Protein backbone atom coordinates (compact mmCIF):
# COMPACT_ATOMS: atom_id res chain seq x y z
CA MET A 1 86.34 -64.90 60.79
CA ILE A 2 84.20 -62.69 58.59
CA LYS A 3 80.50 -62.97 59.16
CA SER A 4 78.31 -63.39 56.12
CA THR A 5 76.30 -60.31 57.11
CA ASP A 6 79.44 -58.16 57.13
CA LEU A 7 80.39 -59.43 53.70
CA LEU A 8 76.87 -58.85 52.40
CA THR A 9 76.86 -55.33 53.87
CA ALA A 10 80.19 -54.51 52.24
CA VAL A 11 79.02 -55.83 48.86
CA LEU A 12 75.74 -53.91 49.05
CA GLU A 13 77.52 -50.70 50.08
CA ARG A 14 79.96 -51.02 47.21
CA GLN A 15 77.12 -51.74 44.76
CA ALA A 16 75.16 -48.72 46.03
CA ALA A 17 78.24 -46.52 45.65
CA TRP A 18 78.71 -47.66 42.03
CA GLN A 19 75.04 -47.10 41.24
CA ALA A 20 75.15 -43.63 42.77
CA ALA A 21 78.29 -42.77 40.82
CA LEU A 22 76.85 -43.97 37.51
CA ASP A 23 73.38 -42.49 37.99
CA PRO A 24 72.78 -39.51 35.66
CA TRP A 25 70.33 -37.93 38.12
CA GLN A 26 71.45 -34.64 39.60
CA ASP A 27 70.08 -32.51 42.37
CA PRO A 28 67.67 -29.99 40.78
CA LEU A 29 68.71 -27.34 43.30
CA GLN A 30 72.34 -27.49 42.23
CA PRO A 31 73.45 -25.68 39.07
CA PRO A 32 74.37 -28.00 36.20
CA PRO A 33 78.08 -28.56 35.66
CA VAL A 34 79.69 -26.20 33.17
CA PRO A 35 81.61 -27.86 30.34
CA ALA A 36 85.34 -27.15 30.47
CA TRP A 37 85.35 -25.44 27.08
CA GLN A 38 82.56 -22.96 27.87
CA PRO A 39 84.52 -20.39 29.95
CA TRP A 40 87.32 -20.36 27.38
CA ALA A 41 84.87 -19.93 24.50
CA LEU A 42 83.16 -17.09 26.34
CA ARG A 43 86.48 -15.38 27.02
CA ILE A 44 87.63 -15.77 23.41
CA GLY A 45 84.29 -14.48 22.13
CA ARG A 46 84.39 -11.41 24.36
CA GLY A 47 88.00 -10.73 23.46
CA GLY A 48 87.21 -11.03 19.77
CA LEU A 49 84.28 -8.65 20.15
CA VAL A 50 86.47 -6.10 21.93
CA VAL A 51 89.13 -6.37 19.22
CA LEU A 52 86.48 -6.03 16.50
CA LEU A 53 84.88 -2.98 18.10
CA ALA A 54 88.27 -1.36 18.75
CA GLY A 55 89.31 -2.00 15.15
CA LEU A 56 86.08 -0.60 13.76
CA SER A 57 86.25 2.50 15.95
CA GLY A 58 89.89 2.99 14.95
CA ALA A 59 89.03 2.65 11.27
CA VAL A 60 86.17 5.13 11.59
CA THR A 61 88.42 7.55 13.48
CA VAL A 62 91.11 7.36 10.80
CA ALA A 63 88.54 7.70 8.02
CA LEU A 64 86.95 10.75 9.62
CA ALA A 65 90.18 12.39 10.81
CA GLY A 66 90.79 14.25 7.59
CA ALA A 67 87.14 14.87 6.90
CA GLY A 68 86.16 16.32 10.29
CA ASP A 69 85.10 19.71 8.94
CA ALA A 70 83.19 18.18 6.02
CA VAL A 71 81.38 15.73 8.30
CA MET A 72 80.50 18.50 10.76
CA ALA A 73 79.23 20.67 7.91
CA ALA A 74 77.02 17.79 6.73
CA VAL A 75 75.75 16.64 10.14
CA LEU A 76 75.21 19.99 11.87
CA PRO A 77 72.35 21.22 9.62
CA VAL A 78 70.60 17.86 10.00
CA LEU A 79 70.84 17.97 13.79
CA GLN A 80 69.76 21.62 13.92
CA ALA A 81 66.65 20.80 11.89
CA GLN A 82 65.58 18.14 14.41
CA PRO A 83 63.75 18.80 17.67
CA TRP A 84 65.92 19.22 20.78
CA TRP A 85 65.08 15.77 22.13
CA VAL A 86 66.68 14.04 19.12
CA GLY A 87 70.09 15.43 20.06
CA VAL A 88 69.56 14.47 23.70
CA GLY A 89 68.49 10.97 22.63
CA LEU A 90 71.57 10.62 20.44
CA VAL A 91 73.84 11.61 23.33
CA PHE A 92 72.00 9.15 25.60
CA VAL A 93 72.33 6.28 23.09
CA LEU A 94 76.03 6.98 22.61
CA ALA A 95 76.52 7.04 26.40
CA VAL A 96 74.75 3.68 26.73
CA LEU A 97 76.95 2.18 23.99
CA ALA A 98 80.09 3.51 25.68
CA THR A 99 78.94 2.02 29.00
CA LEU A 100 78.28 -1.37 27.42
CA LEU A 101 81.69 -1.33 25.76
CA GLY A 102 83.29 -0.45 29.10
CA TRP A 103 81.50 -3.35 30.82
CA LEU A 104 82.61 -5.69 28.04
CA VAL A 105 86.24 -4.61 28.36
CA ASP A 106 86.03 -4.98 32.15
CA ALA A 107 84.53 -8.47 31.83
CA VAL A 108 87.31 -9.53 29.46
CA ARG A 109 89.94 -8.12 31.79
CA LYS A 110 88.52 -9.98 34.81
CA THR A 111 88.34 -13.40 33.13
């Protein structure tokens, strides 16, 4: 025969389990759950950015391929008129951009 205290204990345990399952409170030390769409959106966004940057760099390369001498003739006097640190800064900025693009491609490849 089931004792009334056992039945009451079972009912209270079941009620506590339901309340805990339905409670919106979450542990503040745990990271919030990530929506299922977020990793896919991040991957699609990064992939789109890589495709856009690759397309733009390809278009610029094709546009400047035939005009390499003309572009060099136009840019070289401007760079020679600047102080030495402007050229160094330009090389540094281009290196940073290449590094960021490399990290972006690596992040897309890993996801």
